[in-house]
């Protein structure tokens, strides 16, 4: 199992746990809805940050792989 699937599972579990905790808390409905909105905004921001990090990591690895492949092709053309 790759790390992105594990990370996604952990984040999903955290979100589900936070939502369940809020829904079962003994607050008024309006307070509960406000908490849900606040938590979802925070979760969305966290997910956006994690996605950007993952995108940058994948892009860097792709560029490195592409450069390595070009180097191998150049070496084989010289021979």
PDB file of N, CA and C in Angstrom:
ATOM      1  N   UNK A   1       0.856  -1.168   0.000  1.00  0.00           N
ATOM      2  CA  UNK A   1       0.000   0.000   0.000  1.00  0.00           C
ATOM      3  C   UNK A   1       0.904   1.233   0.000  1.00  0.00           C
ATOM      4  N   UNK A   2       0.641   2.171  -0.917  1.00  0.00           N
ATOM      5  CA  UNK A   2       1.513   3.338  -0.976  1.00  0.00           C
ATOM      6  C   UNK A   2       1.113   4.378   0.068  1.00  0.00           C
ATOM      7  N   UNK A   3       2.028   5.309   0.286  1.00  0.00           N
ATOM      8  CA  UNK A   3       1.845   6.272   1.376  1.00  0.00           C
ATOM      9  C   UNK A   3       0.685   7.225   1.128  1.00  0.00           C
ATOM     10  N   UNK A   4       0.366   7.530  -0.124  1.00  0.00           N
ATOM     11  CA  UNK A   4      -0.742   8.452  -0.376  1.00  0.00           C
ATOM     12  C   UNK A   4      -2.080   7.829   0.026  1.00  0.00           C
ATOM     13  N   UNK A   5      -2.229   6.517  -0.163  1.00  0.00           N
ATOM     14  CA  UNK A   5      -3.465   5.848   0.252  1.00  0.00           C
ATOM     15  C   UNK A   5      -3.572   5.802   1.771  1.00  0.00           C
ATOM     16  N   UNK A   6      -2.458   5.578   2.428  1.00  0.00           N
ATOM     17  CA  UNK A   6      -2.450   5.556   3.893  1.00  0.00           C
ATOM     18  C   UNK A   6      -2.793   6.938   4.425  1.00  0.00           C
ATOM     19  N   UNK A   7      -2.171   7.969   3.851  1.00  0.00           N
ATOM     20  CA  UNK A   7      -2.425   9.339   4.282  1.00  0.00           C
ATOM     21  C   UNK A   7      -3.889   9.703   4.073  1.00  0.00           C
ATOM     22  N   UNK A   8      -4.431   9.340   2.927  1.00  0.00           N
ATOM     23  CA  UNK A   8      -5.830   9.630   2.648  1.00  0.00           C
ATOM     24  C   UNK A   8      -6.745   8.907   3.633  1.00  0.00           C
ATOM     25  N   UNK A   9      -6.428   7.667   3.968  1.00  0.00           N
ATOM     26  CA  UNK A   9      -7.219   6.917   4.939  1.00  0.00           C
ATOM     27  C   UNK A   9      -7.168   7.529   6.325  1.00  0.00           C
ATOM     28  N   UNK A  10      -5.986   7.961   6.729  1.00  0.00           N
ATOM     29  CA  UNK A  10      -5.829   8.587   8.048  1.00  0.00           C
ATOM     30  C   UNK A  10      -6.610   9.893   8.108  1.00  0.00           C
ATOM     31  N   UNK A  11      -6.482  10.714   7.068  1.00  0.00           N
ATOM     32  CA  UNK A  11      -7.202  11.989   7.054  1.00  0.00           C
ATOM     33  C   UNK A  11      -8.715  11.771   7.022  1.00  0.00           C
ATOM     34  N   UNK A  12      -9.161  10.789   6.270  1.00  0.00           N
ATOM     35  CA  UNK A  12     -10.592  10.479   6.240  1.00  0.00           C
ATOM     36  C   UNK A  12     -11.094  10.020   7.596  1.00  0.00           C
ATOM     37  N   UNK A  13     -10.304   9.196   8.275  1.00  0.00           N
ATOM     38  CA  UNK A  13     -10.672   8.733   9.608  1.00  0.00           C
ATOM     39  C   UNK A  13     -10.731   9.867  10.614  1.00  0.00           C
ATOM     40  N   UNK A  14      -9.767  10.773  10.520  1.00  0.00           N
ATOM     41  CA  UNK A  14      -9.776  11.933  11.413  1.00  0.00           C
ATOM     42  C   UNK A  14     -11.008  12.799  11.174  1.00  0.00           C
ATOM     43  N   UNK A  15     -11.337  13.010   9.917  1.00  0.00           N
ATOM     44  CA  UNK A  15     -12.511  13.828   9.598  1.00  0.00           C
ATOM     45  C   UNK A  15     -13.786  13.167  10.105  1.00  0.00           C
ATOM     46  N   UNK A  16     -13.912  11.869   9.898  1.00  0.00           N
ATOM     47  CA  UNK A  16     -15.104  11.154  10.360  1.00  0.00           C
ATOM     48  C   UNK A  16     -15.200  11.194  11.881  1.00  0.00           C
ATOM     49  N   UNK A  17     -14.091  11.024  12.562  1.00  0.00           N
ATOM     50  CA  UNK A  17     -14.089  11.075  14.021  1.00  0.00           C
ATOM     51  C   UNK A  17     -14.451  12.448  14.550  1.00  0.00           C
ATOM     52  N   UNK A  18     -13.906  13.477  13.916  1.00  0.00           N
ATOM     53  CA  UNK A  18     -14.221  14.843  14.345  1.00  0.00           C
ATOM     54  C   UNK A  18     -15.700  15.147  14.126  1.00  0.00           C
ATOM     55  N   UNK A  19     -16.222  14.736  12.987  1.00  0.00           N
ATOM     56  CA  UNK A  19     -17.636  14.973  12.696  1.00  0.00           C
ATOM     57  C   UNK A  19     -18.533  14.218  13.677  1.00  0.00           C
ATOM     58  N   UNK A  20     -18.202  12.979  13.966  1.00  0.00           N
ATOM     59  CA  UNK A  20     -18.991  12.206  14.925  1.00  0.00           C
ATOM     60  C   UNK A  20     -18.937  12.846  16.310  1.00  0.00           C
ATOM     61  N   UNK A  21     -17.773  13.319  16.706  1.00  0.00           N
ATOM     62  CA  UNK A  21     -17.643  13.973  18.005  1.00  0.00           C
ATOM     63  C   UNK A  21     -18.478  15.232  18.103  1.00  0.00           C
ATOM     64  N   UNK A  22     -18.516  15.992  17.036  1.00  0.00           N
ATOM     65  CA  UNK A  22     -19.308  17.222  17.026  1.00  0.00           C
ATOM     66  C   UNK A  22     -20.800  16.907  17.046  1.00  0.00           C
ATOM     67  N   UNK A  23     -21.206  15.929  16.250  1.00  0.00           N
ATOM     68  CA  UNK A  23     -22.634  15.606  16.167  1.00  0.00           C
ATOM     69  C   UNK A  23     -23.188  15.049  17.472  1.00  0.00           C
ATOM     70  N   UNK A  24     -22.372  14.369  18.239  1.00  0.00           N
ATOM     71  CA  UNK A  24     -22.841  13.788  19.496  1.00  0.00           C
ATOM     72  C   UNK A  24     -22.581  14.689  20.704  1.00  0.00           C
ATOM     73  N   UNK A  25     -22.036  15.871  20.467  1.00  0.00           N
ATOM     74  CA  UNK A  25     -21.785  16.813  21.562  1.00  0.00           C
ATOM     75  C   UNK A  25     -23.110  17.450  21.994  1.00  0.00           C
ATOM     76  N   UNK A  26     -23.256  17.741  23.276  1.00  0.00           N
ATOM     77  CA  UNK A  26     -24.521  18.299  23.776  1.00  0.00           C
ATOM     78  C   UNK A  26     -24.602  19.821  23.602  1.00  0.00           C
ATOM     79  N   UNK A  27     -24.546  20.301  22.367  1.00  0.00           N
ATOM     80  CA  UNK A  27     -24.676  21.735  22.085  1.00  0.00           C
ATOM     81  C   UNK A  27     -25.969  21.993  21.320  1.00  0.00           C
ATOM     82  N   UNK A  28     -26.325  23.278  21.221  1.00  0.00           N
ATOM     83  CA  UNK A  28     -27.471  23.668  20.419  1.00  0.00           C
ATOM     84  C   UNK A  28     -27.179  23.369  18.949  1.00  0.00           C
ATOM     85  N   UNK A  29     -28.226  23.239  18.177  1.00  0.00           N
ATOM     86  CA  UNK A  29     -28.080  22.961  16.749  1.00  0.00           C
ATOM     87  C   UNK A  29     -27.280  24.018  16.016  1.00  0.00           C
ATOM     88  N   UNK A  30     -27.516  25.293  16.348  1.00  0.00           N
ATOM     89  CA  UNK A  30     -26.796  26.368  15.659  1.00  0.00           C
ATOM     90  C   UNK A  30     -25.302  26.318  15.972  1.00  0.00           C
ATOM     91  N   UNK A  31     -24.962  26.017  17.217  1.00  0.00           N
ATOM     92  CA  UNK A  31     -23.548  25.895  17.585  1.00  0.00           C
ATOM     93  C   UNK A  31     -22.910  24.699  16.884  1.00  0.00           C
ATOM     94  N   UNK A  32     -23.660  23.612  16.827  1.00  0.00           N
ATOM     95  CA  UNK A  32     -23.142  22.406  16.176  1.00  0.00           C
ATOM     96  C   UNK A  32     -22.903  22.666  14.692  1.00  0.00           C
ATOM     97  N   UNK A  33     -23.849  23.329  14.028  1.00  0.00           N
ATOM     98  CA  UNK A  33     -23.676  23.634  12.605  1.00  0.00           C
ATOM     99  C   UNK A  33     -22.475  24.544  12.389  1.00  0.00           C
ATOM    100  N   UNK A  34     -22.295  25.523  13.261  1.00  0.00           N
ATOM    101  CA  UNK A  34     -21.146  26.427  13.134  1.00  0.00           C
ATOM    102  C   UNK A  34     -19.842  25.650  13.310  1.00  0.00           C
ATOM    103  N   UNK A  35     -19.815  24.740  14.272  1.00  0.00           N
ATOM    104  CA  UNK A  35     -18.618  23.925  14.479  1.00  0.00           C
ATOM    105  C   UNK A  35     -18.316  23.072  13.248  1.00  0.00           C
ATOM    106  N   UNK A  36     -19.371  22.508  12.658  1.00  0.00           N
ATOM    107  CA  UNK A  36     -19.177  21.674  11.469  1.00  0.00           C
ATOM    108  C   UNK A  36     -18.600  22.511  10.332  1.00  0.00           C
ATOM    109  N   UNK A  37     -19.140  23.705  10.140  1.00  0.00           N
ATOM    110  CA  UNK A  37     -18.636  24.583   9.079  1.00  0.00           C
ATOM    111  C   UNK A  37     -17.180  24.950   9.341  1.00  0.00           C
ATOM    112  N   UNK A  38     -16.867  25.317  10.577  1.00  0.00           N
ATOM    113  CA  UNK A  38     -15.491  25.691  10.915  1.00  0.00           C
ATOM    114  C   UNK A  38     -14.529  24.525  10.714  1.00  0.00           C
ATOM    115  N   UNK A  39     -14.920  23.353  11.174  1.00  0.00           N
ATOM    116  CA  UNK A  39     -14.057  22.168  11.031  1.00  0.00           C
ATOM    117  C   UNK A  39     -13.880  21.804   9.561  1.00  0.00           C
ATOM    118  N   UNK A  40     -14.964  21.903   8.781  1.00  0.00           N
ATOM    119  CA  UNK A  40     -14.859  21.527   7.367  1.00  0.00           C
ATOM    120  C   UNK A  40     -13.957  22.490   6.612  1.00  0.00           C
ATOM    121  N   UNK A  41     -13.983  23.774   6.966  1.00  0.00           N
ATOM    122  CA  UNK A  41     -13.075  24.733   6.331  1.00  0.00           C
ATOM    123  C   UNK A  41     -11.634  24.393   6.670  1.00  0.00           C
ATOM    124  N   UNK A  42     -11.380  24.072   7.922  1.00  0.00           N
ATOM    125  CA  UNK A  42     -10.031  23.689   8.332  1.00  0.00           C
ATOM    126  C   UNK A  42      -9.579  22.417   7.647  1.00  0.00           C
ATOM    127  N   UNK A  43     -10.481  21.453   7.545  1.00  0.00           N
ATOM    128  CA  UNK A  43     -10.156  20.191   6.882  1.00  0.00           C
ATOM    129  C   UNK A  43      -9.871  20.426   5.407  1.00  0.00           C
ATOM    130  N   UNK A  44     -10.681  21.268   4.763  1.00  0.00           N
ATOM    131  CA  UNK A  44     -10.472  21.562   3.343  1.00  0.00           C
ATOM    132  C   UNK A  44      -9.120  22.237   3.132  1.00  0.00           C
ATOM    133  N   UNK A  45      -8.762  23.152   4.012  1.00  0.00           N
ATOM    134  CA  UNK A  45      -7.458  23.811   3.906  1.00  0.00           C
ATOM    135  C   UNK A  45      -6.323  22.812   4.094  1.00  0.00           C
ATOM    136  N   UNK A  46      -6.472  21.915   5.065  1.00  0.00           N
ATOM    137  CA  UNK A  46      -5.452  20.887   5.296  1.00  0.00           C
ATOM    138  C   UNK A  46      -5.307  19.976   4.084  1.00  0.00           C
ATOM    139  N   UNK A  47      -6.430  19.556   3.532  1.00  0.00           N
ATOM    140  CA  UNK A  47      -6.400  18.675   2.361  1.00  0.00           C
ATOM    141  C   UNK A  47      -5.758  19.379   1.172  1.00  0.00           C
ATOM    142  N   UNK A  48      -6.062  20.653   0.997  1.00  0.00           N
ATOM    143  CA  UNK A  48      -5.466  21.417  -0.101  1.00  0.00           C
ATOM    144  C   UNK A  48      -3.957  21.469   0.061  1.00  0.00           C
ATOM    145  N   UNK A  49      -3.495  21.728   1.280  1.00  0.00           N
ATOM    146  CA  UNK A  49      -2.058  21.767   1.542  1.00  0.00           C
ATOM    147  C   UNK A  49      -1.399  20.424   1.291  1.00  0.00           C
ATOM    148  N   UNK A  50      -2.028  19.353   1.752  1.00  0.00           N
ATOM    149  CA  UNK A  50      -1.472  18.007   1.542  1.00  0.00           C
ATOM    150  C   UNK A  50      -1.441  17.660   0.059  1.00  0.00           C
ATOM    151  N   UNK A  51      -2.494  18.035  -0.675  1.00  0.00           N
ATOM    152  CA  UNK A  51      -2.536  17.757  -2.103  1.00  0.00           C
ATOM    153  C   UNK A  51      -1.434  18.516  -2.828  1.00  0.00           C
ATOM    154  N   UNK A  52      -1.222  19.778  -2.453  1.00  0.00           N
ATOM    155  CA  UNK A  52      -0.166  20.567  -3.090  1.00  0.00           C
ATOM    156  C   UNK A  52       1.206  19.958  -2.818  1.00  0.00           C
ATOM    157  N   UNK A  53       1.429  19.494  -1.591  1.00  0.00           N
ATOM    158  CA  UNK A  53       2.699  18.835  -1.266  1.00  0.00           C
ATOM    159  C   UNK A  53       2.881  17.566  -2.091  1.00  0.00           C
ATOM    160  N   UNK A  54       1.831  16.779  -2.182  1.00  0.00           N
ATOM    161  CA  UNK A  54       1.887  15.538  -2.959  1.00  0.00           C
ATOM    162  C   UNK A  54       2.129  15.841  -4.431  1.00  0.00           C
ATOM    163  N   UNK A  55       1.452  16.851  -4.959  1.00  0.00           N
ATOM    164  CA  UNK A  55       1.620  17.238  -6.360  1.00  0.00           C
ATOM    165  C   UNK A  55       3.062  17.667  -6.632  1.00  0.00           C
ATOM    166  N   UNK A  56       3.622  18.485  -5.747  1.00  0.00           N
ATOM    167  CA  UNK A  56       5.009  18.926  -5.914  1.00  0.00           C
ATOM    168  C   UNK A  56       5.970  17.745  -5.858  1.00  0.00           C
ATOM    169  N   UNK A  57       5.733  16.827  -4.941  1.00  0.00           N
ATOM    170  CA  UNK A  57       6.593  15.651  -4.804  1.00  0.00           C
ATOM    171  C   UNK A  57       6.540  14.789  -6.061  1.00  0.00           C
ATOM    172  N   UNK A  58       5.338  14.540  -6.560  1.00  0.00           N
ATOM    173  CA  UNK A  58       5.187  13.727  -7.770  1.00  0.00           C
ATOM    174  C   UNK A  58       5.809  14.439  -8.967  1.00  0.00           C
ATOM    175  N   UNK A  59       5.612  15.742  -9.069  1.00  0.00           N
ATOM    176  CA  UNK A  59       6.193  16.506 -10.171  1.00  0.00           C
ATOM    177  C   UNK A  59       7.712  16.445 -10.134  1.00  0.00           C
ATOM    178  N   UNK A  60       8.297  16.622  -8.954  1.00  0.00           N
ATOM    179  CA  UNK A  60       9.756  16.549  -8.825  1.00  0.00           C
ATOM    180  C   UNK A  60      10.275  15.168  -9.215  1.00  0.00           C
ATOM    181  N   UNK A  61       9.613  14.131  -8.746  1.00  0.00           N
ATOM    182  CA  UNK A  61      10.047  12.771  -9.072  1.00  0.00           C
ATOM    183  C   UNK A  61       9.917  12.501 -10.566  1.00  0.00           C
ATOM    184  N   UNK A  62       8.855  13.002 -11.182  1.00  0.00           N
ATOM    185  CA  UNK A  62       8.666  12.829 -12.620  1.00  0.00           C
ATOM    186  C   UNK A  62       9.781  13.536 -13.390  1.00  0.00           C
ATOM    187  N   UNK A  63      10.090  14.764 -12.995  1.00  0.00           N
ATOM    188  CA  UNK A  63      11.149  15.513 -13.678  1.00  0.00           C
ATOM    189  C   UNK A  63      12.497  14.819 -13.519  1.00  0.00           C
ATOM    190  N   UNK A  64      12.777  14.299 -12.331  1.00  0.00           N
ATOM    191  CA  UNK A  64      14.029  13.562 -12.118  1.00  0.00           C
ATOM    192  C   UNK A  64      14.076  12.304 -12.974  1.00  0.00           C
ATOM    193  N   UNK A  65      12.981  11.593 -13.044  1.00  0.00           N
ATOM    194  CA  UNK A  65      12.908  10.386 -13.860  1.00  0.00           C
ATOM    195  C   UNK A  65      13.098  10.720 -15.333  1.00  0.00           C
ATOM    196  N   UNK A  66      12.493  11.799 -15.778  1.00  0.00           N
ATOM    197  CA  UNK A  66      12.627  12.231 -17.163  1.00  0.00           C
ATOM    198  C   UNK A  66      14.075  12.588 -17.485  1.00  0.00           C
ATOM    199  N   UNK A  67      14.738  13.292 -16.582  1.00  0.00           N
ATOM    200  CA  UNK A  67      16.148  13.644 -16.788  1.00  0.00           C
ATOM    201  C   UNK A  67      17.021  12.394 -16.815  1.00  0.00           C
ATOM    202  N   UNK A  68      16.756  11.460 -15.928  1.00  0.00           N
ATOM    203  CA  UNK A  68      17.517  10.203 -15.913  1.00  0.00           C
ATOM    204  C   UNK A  68      17.324   9.437 -17.216  1.00  0.00           C
ATOM    205  N   UNK A  69      16.099   9.406 -17.702  1.00  0.00           N
ATOM    206  CA  UNK A  69      15.814   8.703 -18.957  1.00  0.00           C
ATOM    207  C   UNK A  69      16.526   9.376 -20.122  1.00  0.00           C
ATOM    208  N   UNK A  70      16.522  10.700 -20.160  1.00  0.00           N
ATOM    209  CA  UNK A  70      17.227  11.421 -21.228  1.00  0.00           C
ATOM    210  C   UNK A  70      18.719  11.138 -21.171  1.00  0.00           C
ATOM    211  N   UNK A  71      19.265  11.070 -19.962  1.00  0.00           N
ATOM    212  CA  UNK A  71      20.684  10.755 -19.807  1.00  0.00           C
ATOM    213  C   UNK A  71      21.006   9.363 -20.307  1.00  0.00           C
ATOM    214  N   UNK A  72      20.166   8.399 -20.013  1.00  0.00           N
ATOM    215  CA  UNK A  72      20.383   7.028 -20.484  1.00  0.00           C
ATOM    216  C   UNK A  72      20.287   6.944 -22.004  1.00  0.00           C
ATOM    217  N   UNK A  73      19.336   7.661 -22.583  1.00  0.00           N
ATOM    218  CA  UNK A  73      19.191   7.664 -24.039  1.00  0.00           C
ATOM    219  C   UNK A  73      20.427   8.286 -24.678  1.00  0.00           C
ATOM    220  N   UNK A  74      20.910   9.376 -24.102  1.00  0.00           N
ATOM    221  CA  UNK A  74      22.110  10.032 -24.637  1.00  0.00           C
ATOM    222  C   UNK A  74      23.315   9.106 -24.565  1.00  0.00           C
ATOM    223  N   UNK A  75      23.489   8.395 -23.466  1.00  0.00           N
ATOM    224  CA  UNK A  75      24.611   7.461 -23.313  1.00  0.00           C
ATOM    225  C   UNK A  75      24.543   6.359 -24.363  1.00  0.00           C
ATOM    226  N   UNK A  76      23.341   5.843 -24.608  1.00  0.00           N
ATOM    227  CA  UNK A  76      23.181   4.758 -25.576  1.00  0.00           C
ATOM    228  C   UNK A  76      23.372   5.244 -27.006  1.00  0.00           C
ATOM    229  N   UNK A  77      23.086   6.501 -27.298  1.00  0.00           N
ATOM    230  CA  UNK A  77      23.276   7.034 -28.640  1.00  0.00           C
ATOM    231  C   UNK A  77      24.751   7.262 -28.933  1.00  0.00           C
ATOM    232  N   UNK A  78      25.540   7.568 -27.909  1.00  0.00           N
ATOM    233  CA  UNK A  78      26.971   7.805 -28.076  1.00  0.00           C
ATOM    234  C   UNK A  78      27.677   6.504 -28.426  1.00  0.00           C
ATOM    235  N   UNK A  79      27.260   5.391 -27.864  1.00  0.00           N
ATOM    236  CA  UNK A  79      27.902   4.093 -28.093  1.00  0.00           C
ATOM    237  C   UNK A  79      27.660   3.653 -29.460  1.00  0.00           C
TER     238      UNK A  79
END
